[in-house]
N, C-alpha and C. Protein backbone atom coordinates (compact mmCIF):
# COMPACT_ATOMS: atom_id res chain seq x y z
N UNK A 1 0.86 -1.07 -0.02
CA UNK A 1 -0.16 -0.22 -0.08
C UNK A 1 1.02 1.23 -0.29
N UNK A 2 1.86 1.24 0.96
CA UNK A 2 3.07 2.36 0.93
C UNK A 2 3.43 2.54 -0.74
N UNK A 3 3.50 1.91 -1.14
CA UNK A 3 4.20 1.84 -2.58
C UNK A 3 3.40 2.79 -3.51
N UNK A 4 2.28 2.89 -3.43
CA UNK A 4 1.01 3.35 -4.24
C UNK A 4 1.51 4.61 -4.65
N UNK A 5 1.99 5.27 -3.94
CA UNK A 5 2.29 6.78 -3.93
C UNK A 5 3.62 7.12 -4.54
N UNK A 6 4.31 6.00 -4.20
CA UNK A 6 5.37 6.43 -5.44
C UNK A 6 4.95 5.80 -6.91
N UNK A 7 4.58 4.60 -7.44
CA UNK A 7 4.07 4.38 -8.15
C UNK A 7 3.63 5.53 -8.93
N UNK A 8 2.07 6.54 -7.82
CA UNK A 8 1.97 7.77 -8.37
C UNK A 8 2.39 8.75 -8.94
N UNK A 9 3.33 9.10 -8.55
CA UNK A 9 4.52 9.96 -9.02
C UNK A 9 5.32 9.62 -9.94
N UNK A 10 5.87 8.29 -10.02
CA UNK A 10 6.61 7.94 -11.16
C UNK A 10 5.08 7.78 -12.29
N UNK A 11 4.61 7.60 -12.53
CA UNK A 11 3.41 7.72 -13.87
C UNK A 11 3.11 9.05 -13.74
N UNK A 12 3.13 10.05 -13.25
CA UNK A 12 2.89 11.39 -13.86
C UNK A 12 4.47 12.38 -14.00
N UNK A 13 5.25 11.59 -13.69
CA UNK A 13 6.58 11.93 -14.64
C UNK A 13 6.31 11.46 -15.82
N UNK A 14 6.24 10.19 -16.13
CA UNK A 14 7.02 10.01 -17.04
C UNK A 14 5.14 10.29 -18.31
N UNK A 15 4.47 10.52 -18.14
CA UNK A 15 3.30 11.18 -18.64
C UNK A 15 3.89 12.69 -19.02
N UNK A 16 4.31 13.70 -18.04
CA UNK A 16 5.00 14.69 -18.78
C UNK A 16 6.02 14.89 -18.86
N UNK A 17 6.78 13.68 -19.19
CA UNK A 17 8.30 14.04 -19.58
C UNK A 17 8.64 14.39 -21.08
N UNK A 18 7.61 13.98 -22.08
CA UNK A 18 7.82 14.63 -23.09
C UNK A 18 7.17 16.18 -23.14
N UNK A 19 6.32 16.44 -22.62
CA UNK A 19 5.64 17.79 -22.51
C UNK A 19 6.97 18.46 -21.85
N UNK A 20 7.05 18.49 -21.03
CA UNK A 20 8.62 19.37 -20.10
C UNK A 20 9.73 18.81 -20.72
N UNK A 21 10.19 18.12 -21.92
CA UNK A 21 11.54 18.01 -22.40
C UNK A 21 10.66 18.94 -23.67
N UNK A 22 9.49 18.83 -24.53
CA UNK A 22 10.08 19.93 -25.47
C UNK A 22 10.06 20.96 -25.25
N UNK A 23 9.67 21.40 -24.09
CA UNK A 23 9.40 23.14 -23.77
C UNK A 23 10.82 23.42 -23.24
N UNK A 24 11.80 22.19 -23.66
CA UNK A 24 13.36 22.09 -22.61
C UNK A 24 13.52 22.30 -21.39
N UNK A 25 12.36 22.29 -20.38
CA UNK A 25 12.52 22.18 -18.96
C UNK A 25 13.00 20.91 -18.95
N UNK A 26 14.90 21.00 -18.76
CA UNK A 26 15.38 19.93 -18.65
C UNK A 26 15.60 19.64 -16.70
N UNK A 27 15.39 20.70 -16.35
CA UNK A 27 15.63 20.73 -14.88
C UNK A 27 14.21 19.29 -14.36
N UNK A 28 13.38 18.84 -14.94
CA UNK A 28 12.16 18.24 -14.41
C UNK A 28 12.91 16.69 -14.31
N UNK A 29 13.38 16.93 -15.24
CA UNK A 29 14.07 15.15 -15.03
C UNK A 29 15.01 14.91 -14.11
N UNK A 30 15.57 16.01 -13.81
CA UNK A 30 16.61 16.13 -12.52
C UNK A 30 16.23 14.65 -11.11
N UNK A 31 15.10 15.22 -10.50
CA UNK A 31 14.58 14.35 -9.73
C UNK A 31 13.92 13.15 -10.15
N UNK A 32 14.12 12.73 -11.14
CA UNK A 32 13.39 11.58 -12.21
C UNK A 32 14.21 10.64 -12.94
N UNK A 33 16.14 11.29 -12.26
CA UNK A 33 16.66 10.62 -13.36
C UNK A 33 17.23 9.20 -13.40
N UNK A 34 16.71 8.77 -11.88
CA UNK A 34 16.46 7.48 -12.10
C UNK A 34 15.52 6.68 -12.88
N UNK A 35 14.09 7.18 -13.52
CA UNK A 35 13.63 6.66 -14.30
C UNK A 35 13.88 6.84 -15.53
N UNK A 36 14.67 7.90 -16.13
CA UNK A 36 14.81 7.85 -17.64
C UNK A 36 16.00 7.89 -17.96
N UNK A 37 16.99 7.85 -17.09
CA UNK A 37 18.38 7.78 -17.49
C UNK A 37 19.11 6.62 -18.07
N UNK A 38 18.62 5.54 -17.58
CA UNK A 38 19.32 4.02 -18.20
C UNK A 38 18.83 3.52 -19.21
N UNK A 39 17.59 3.92 -20.12
CA UNK A 39 16.64 3.68 -21.15
C UNK A 39 17.06 4.43 -22.13
N UNK A 40 16.96 4.01 -23.60
CA UNK A 40 17.06 4.29 -24.75
C UNK A 40 16.06 5.89 -25.08
N UNK A 41 16.52 6.82 -25.41
CA UNK A 41 15.71 7.94 -25.73
C UNK A 41 14.22 7.88 -26.54
N UNK A 42 13.82 6.45 -27.22
CA UNK A 42 12.50 6.62 -27.60
C UNK A 42 11.78 5.70 -26.89
N UNK A 43 12.73 4.97 -26.07
CA UNK A 43 11.61 4.14 -24.75
C UNK A 43 11.69 4.71 -23.39
N UNK A 44 11.86 5.89 -23.19
CA UNK A 44 11.44 6.77 -21.55
C UNK A 44 10.55 6.43 -20.80
N UNK A 45 9.23 5.72 -21.53
CA UNK A 45 8.46 5.34 -20.59
C UNK A 45 9.10 4.07 -19.62
N UNK A 46 9.93 3.13 -20.40
CA UNK A 46 10.31 1.90 -19.83
C UNK A 46 10.79 1.91 -18.02
N UNK A 47 10.59 3.17 -17.73
CA UNK A 47 11.31 3.46 -16.14
C UNK A 47 10.22 2.76 -15.23
N UNK A 48 8.86 3.59 -15.83
CA UNK A 48 7.30 3.33 -15.62
C UNK A 48 7.55 1.47 -15.30
N UNK A 49 7.56 0.96 -16.67
CA UNK A 49 7.41 -0.56 -17.01
C UNK A 49 8.13 -0.98 -15.81
N UNK A 50 9.44 -0.82 -15.68
CA UNK A 50 10.59 -1.48 -14.78
C UNK A 50 9.85 -1.09 -13.68
N UNK A 51 9.41 0.34 -12.88
CA UNK A 51 8.53 -0.02 -11.91
C UNK A 51 7.15 -0.78 -11.71
N UNK A 52 6.54 -1.21 -12.62
CA UNK A 52 5.53 -1.76 -12.25
C UNK A 52 5.89 -3.11 -12.48
N UNK A 53 6.80 -3.63 -12.95
CA UNK A 53 7.12 -4.68 -13.14
C UNK A 53 7.61 -5.20 -12.10
N UNK A 54 8.29 -4.72 -11.27
CA UNK A 54 8.66 -4.57 -9.71
C UNK A 54 7.69 -4.96 -8.69
N UNK A 55 7.01 -4.24 -8.47
CA UNK A 55 5.42 -3.91 -7.80
C UNK A 55 4.60 -5.32 -8.18
N UNK A 56 4.89 -5.78 -9.20
CA UNK A 56 3.81 -6.92 -9.82
C UNK A 56 4.73 -8.38 -9.07
N UNK A 57 5.77 -8.26 -9.33
CA UNK A 57 6.41 -9.43 -9.39
C UNK A 57 6.53 -9.34 -7.47
N UNK A 58 6.49 -8.44 -6.25
CA UNK A 58 6.83 -8.35 -5.64
C UNK A 58 5.59 -8.80 -4.44
N UNK A 59 4.58 -8.63 -5.36
CA UNK A 59 3.04 -8.17 -5.11
C UNK A 59 2.28 -9.49 -5.00
N UNK A 60 3.21 -10.60 -6.04
CA UNK A 60 2.56 -12.08 -5.72
C UNK A 60 2.66 -13.13 -5.09
N UNK A 61 3.65 -12.82 -3.98
CA UNK A 61 4.03 -13.76 -2.58
C UNK A 61 2.47 -13.40 -1.37
N UNK A 62 2.31 -11.76 -2.09
CA UNK A 62 1.76 -11.30 -0.95
C UNK A 62 0.37 -11.49 -0.91
N UNK A 63 -0.30 -11.57 -2.46
CA UNK A 63 -1.36 -12.15 -3.38
C UNK A 63 -1.33 -13.81 -2.38
N UNK A 64 -0.08 -13.89 -2.68
CA UNK A 64 -0.44 -15.64 -2.51
C UNK A 64 -0.88 -15.98 -1.49
N UNK A 65 -0.32 -15.29 -0.07
CA UNK A 65 -0.42 -15.54 0.99
C UNK A 65 -1.98 -15.08 1.44
N UNK A 66 -2.50 -14.23 0.82
CA UNK A 66 -3.15 -13.75 1.85
C UNK A 66 -4.68 -14.63 1.08
N UNK A 67 -4.13 -15.26 -0.19
CA UNK A 67 -5.65 -16.17 -0.74
C UNK A 67 -4.72 -17.51 -0.37
N UNK A 68 -4.22 -17.93 0.48
CA UNK A 68 -3.28 -19.03 0.69
C UNK A 68 -3.38 -20.11 -0.61
N UNK A 69 -2.48 -19.42 -1.76
CA UNK A 69 -2.35 -20.13 -2.54
C UNK A 69 -0.97 -21.48 -2.47
N UNK A 70 -1.29 -22.28 -2.67
CA UNK A 70 0.46 -23.16 -2.59
C UNK A 70 1.10 -22.91 -3.15
N UNK A 71 2.34 -23.47 -3.38
CA UNK A 71 3.54 -22.89 -4.32
C UNK A 71 3.21 -23.64 -5.70
N UNK A 72 2.63 -24.70 -6.02
CA UNK A 72 2.09 -25.03 -6.66
C UNK A 72 1.30 -24.14 -7.68
N UNK A 73 0.36 -23.33 -7.23
CA UNK A 73 0.18 -22.14 -8.07
C UNK A 73 0.62 -21.15 -7.96
N UNK A 74 1.59 -20.95 -6.72
CA UNK A 74 2.27 -19.20 -7.08
C UNK A 74 3.29 -19.56 -7.78
N UNK A 75 4.03 -20.55 -7.42
CA UNK A 75 4.83 -20.83 -8.77
C UNK A 75 4.80 -19.91 -10.19
N UNK A 76 3.98 -21.12 -11.02
CA UNK A 76 3.39 -20.77 -12.29
C UNK A 76 3.10 -19.23 -12.84
N UNK A 77 2.37 -18.94 -11.48
CA UNK A 77 2.15 -17.59 -11.24
C UNK A 77 3.29 -16.62 -11.45
N UNK A 78 4.14 -16.37 -11.10
CA UNK A 78 5.10 -15.86 -11.11
C UNK A 78 6.00 -16.17 -12.03
N UNK A 79 6.33 -17.68 -12.64
CA UNK A 79 7.11 -17.63 -14.04
C UNK A 79 6.09 -16.90 -15.23
N UNK A 80 4.78 -16.88 -15.20
CA UNK A 80 4.07 -16.32 -16.26
C UNK A 80 4.17 -15.13 -16.47
N UNK A 81 4.25 -14.47 -15.21
CA UNK A 81 4.56 -13.12 -14.97
C UNK A 81 6.13 -12.54 -15.66
N UNK A 82 6.53 -13.67 -14.87
CA UNK A 82 8.02 -12.86 -15.70
C UNK A 82 8.24 -13.16 -17.37
N UNK A 83 7.30 -14.26 -17.66
CA UNK A 83 7.37 -14.66 -19.14
C UNK A 83 6.98 -13.79 -20.08
N UNK A 84 6.06 -12.97 -19.40
CA UNK A 84 5.26 -11.68 -20.27
C UNK A 84 6.19 -10.67 -19.97
N UNK A 85 6.11 -10.81 -18.66
CA UNK A 85 7.42 -9.53 -18.56
C UNK A 85 9.02 -9.49 -19.36
N UNK A 86 9.47 -10.53 -19.37
CA UNK A 86 10.63 -10.92 -20.46
C UNK A 86 10.18 -10.41 -22.09
N UNK A 87 8.94 -11.15 -22.41
CA UNK A 87 8.36 -10.90 -23.72
C UNK A 87 8.85 -9.48 -24.13
N UNK A 88 7.68 -8.80 -23.17
CA UNK A 88 7.67 -7.30 -23.59
C UNK A 88 9.09 -6.50 -23.34
N UNK A 89 10.14 -7.00 -23.01
CA UNK A 89 11.49 -6.31 -22.79
C UNK A 89 12.02 -6.92 -24.07
N UNK A 90 11.92 -7.68 -24.27
CA UNK A 90 12.40 -8.65 -25.76
C UNK A 90 11.79 -7.74 -27.37
N UNK A 91 10.55 -7.51 -26.95
CA UNK A 91 9.98 -6.83 -27.72
C UNK A 91 10.30 -5.29 -28.14
N UNK A 92 10.34 -4.77 -27.13
CA UNK A 92 11.07 -3.31 -27.25
C UNK A 92 12.35 -2.70 -26.84
N UNK A 93 13.76 -4.30 -26.42
CA UNK A 93 14.96 -3.84 -25.92
C UNK A 93 15.00 -2.08 -25.87
N UNK A 94 14.86 -2.10 -24.47
CA UNK A 94 14.09 -0.65 -24.03
C UNK A 94 15.88 0.01 -23.61
N UNK A 95 17.08 -0.90 -22.83
CA UNK A 95 18.09 -0.65 -21.80
C UNK A 95 19.27 -0.19 -23.46
N UNK A 96 19.77 1.30 -22.56
CA UNK A 96 20.76 1.91 -23.52
C UNK A 96 21.44 1.61 -24.30
N UNK A 97 22.18 0.00 -23.92
CA UNK A 97 23.01 -0.66 -24.46
C UNK A 97 23.18 -1.92 -24.37
N UNK A 98 23.30 -2.62 -25.26
CA UNK A 98 22.41 -3.55 -25.88
C UNK A 98 22.76 -5.27 -24.88
N UNK A 99 24.22 -4.95 -24.33
CA UNK A 99 24.51 -5.95 -23.64
C UNK A 99 23.83 -5.92 -22.84
N UNK A 100 23.08 -4.93 -21.65
CA UNK A 100 22.35 -4.32 -20.62
C UNK A 100 20.73 -5.38 -20.69
N UNK A 101 20.27 -5.14 -22.30
CA UNK A 101 18.93 -6.07 -22.61
C UNK A 101 19.34 -7.67 -22.73
N UNK A 102 20.34 -7.93 -22.97
CA UNK A 102 20.59 -9.35 -23.36
C UNK A 102 21.17 -9.96 -21.68
N UNK A 103 21.61 -8.99 -20.56
CA UNK A 103 21.67 -9.48 -19.43
C UNK A 103 20.45 -10.08 -19.11
N UNK A 104 19.27 -9.23 -19.27
CA UNK A 104 18.20 -8.34 -18.34
C UNK A 104 17.34 -9.44 -18.76
N UNK A 105 17.44 -9.73 -20.23
CA UNK A 105 16.69 -10.48 -20.82
C UNK A 105 16.88 -12.51 -20.63
N UNK A 106 18.53 -12.48 -20.22
CA UNK A 106 18.78 -14.57 -20.20
C UNK A 106 18.80 -14.49 -18.56
N UNK A 107 18.64 -13.02 -17.30
CA UNK A 107 17.87 -13.71 -16.20
C UNK A 107 16.91 -13.78 -15.93
N UNK A 108 16.28 -12.81 -16.67
CA UNK A 108 14.22 -13.22 -16.55
C UNK A 108 14.17 -14.90 -17.07
N UNK A 109 14.55 -15.23 -18.56
CA UNK A 109 14.67 -16.63 -18.68
C UNK A 109 14.78 -17.99 -18.05
N UNK A 110 16.20 -17.27 -16.84
CA UNK A 110 16.46 -18.12 -16.11
C UNK A 110 15.71 -17.98 -14.70
N UNK A 111 14.87 -17.25 -14.62
CA UNK A 111 14.12 -16.54 -13.53
C UNK A 111 12.98 -17.70 -13.85
N UNK A 112 12.30 -17.53 -15.22
CA UNK A 112 11.16 -18.34 -15.43
C UNK A 112 11.12 -20.05 -15.19
N UNK A 113 12.59 -20.69 -15.84
CA UNK A 113 13.17 -21.84 -15.68
C UNK A 113 12.78 -22.15 -14.31
N UNK A 114 13.54 -21.76 -13.41
CA UNK A 114 13.57 -22.16 -11.77
C UNK A 114 12.16 -21.94 -11.24
N UNK A 115 11.25 -20.81 -11.98
CA UNK A 115 9.47 -21.46 -11.32
C UNK A 115 9.00 -22.88 -11.96
N UNK A 116 9.60 -22.65 -12.84
CA UNK A 116 9.05 -23.98 -13.86
C UNK A 116 9.24 -25.58 -12.72
N UNK A 117 10.84 -25.30 -13.02
CA UNK A 117 11.54 -26.49 -12.09
C UNK A 117 11.01 -26.35 -10.61
N UNK A 118 11.00 -25.24 -9.88
CA UNK A 118 10.43 -25.74 -8.65
C UNK A 118 9.15 -26.03 -8.33
N UNK A 119 8.39 -25.89 -9.27
CA UNK A 119 6.39 -26.15 -9.22
C UNK A 119 6.98 -27.48 -9.59
N UNK A 120 7.50 -28.26 -10.48
CA UNK A 120 7.79 -29.56 -11.12
C UNK A 120 7.92 -30.04 -9.93
N UNK A 121 9.03 -30.04 -8.73
CA UNK A 121 9.99 -30.27 -7.59
C UNK A 121 9.20 -30.57 -6.54
N UNK A 122 7.00 -30.37 -6.48
CA UNK A 122 6.67 -29.99 -5.35
C UNK A 122 6.63 -31.52 -4.92
N UNK A 123 6.19 -31.81 -3.91
CA UNK A 123 6.07 -32.91 -2.90
C UNK A 123 4.77 -33.15 -3.33
N UNK A 124 4.76 -34.71 -3.62
CA UNK A 124 3.06 -35.23 -3.87
C UNK A 124 1.94 -34.35 -2.52
N UNK A 125 2.88 -34.02 -0.96
CA UNK A 125 2.00 -33.95 -0.01
C UNK A 125 1.58 -32.27 -0.38
N UNK A 126 1.92 -31.60 -1.26
CA UNK A 126 2.30 -30.20 -1.43
C UNK A 126 0.73 -30.07 -2.58
N UNK A 127 0.61 -30.94 -2.94
CA UNK A 127 0.17 -30.76 -4.17
C UNK A 127 -1.91 -30.56 -4.01
N UNK A 128 -2.04 -29.80 -2.99
CA UNK A 128 -3.66 -29.52 -2.69
C UNK A 128 -3.79 -28.17 -3.37
N UNK A 129 -4.86 -28.31 -4.07
CA UNK A 129 -5.03 -27.71 -5.57
C UNK A 129 -5.21 -26.29 -5.13
N UNK A 130 -5.67 -25.33 -4.40
CA UNK A 130 -5.28 -23.95 -3.90
C UNK A 130 -4.73 -23.61 -2.65
N UNK A 131 -5.85 -24.28 -1.95
CA UNK A 131 -5.73 -23.75 -0.51
C UNK A 131 -5.12 -24.63 0.10
N UNK A 132 -4.00 -24.71 1.49
CA UNK A 132 -3.62 -25.55 2.10
C UNK A 132 -4.42 -26.39 3.12
């Protein structure tokens, strides 16, 4: 819940970014340098995508605990979420340096593989459908 104001400010900064830059207000980007400096200029919005991705990935275990999902459900949901974000990354290639794009995509796909393997290695006692 405390993260939502941060996401809202990041959304505001991303929406206002192009208007402020075309007006020559470069001071606008200084407080939000962490959002815009790592990405290619055409992909300035990816800072917000990155923040939302991290928020989503950290939110999955909380939702799983709240709804009492077993690991058999939680791990595939995490893997599918990572695969979707990884696909978005590979479609847009947002990082400023090519090696960073390759590294991010590789690590994301390794995490997807770990989530799939971990789900497959669950003990038969853990196979209760959704609830514990």
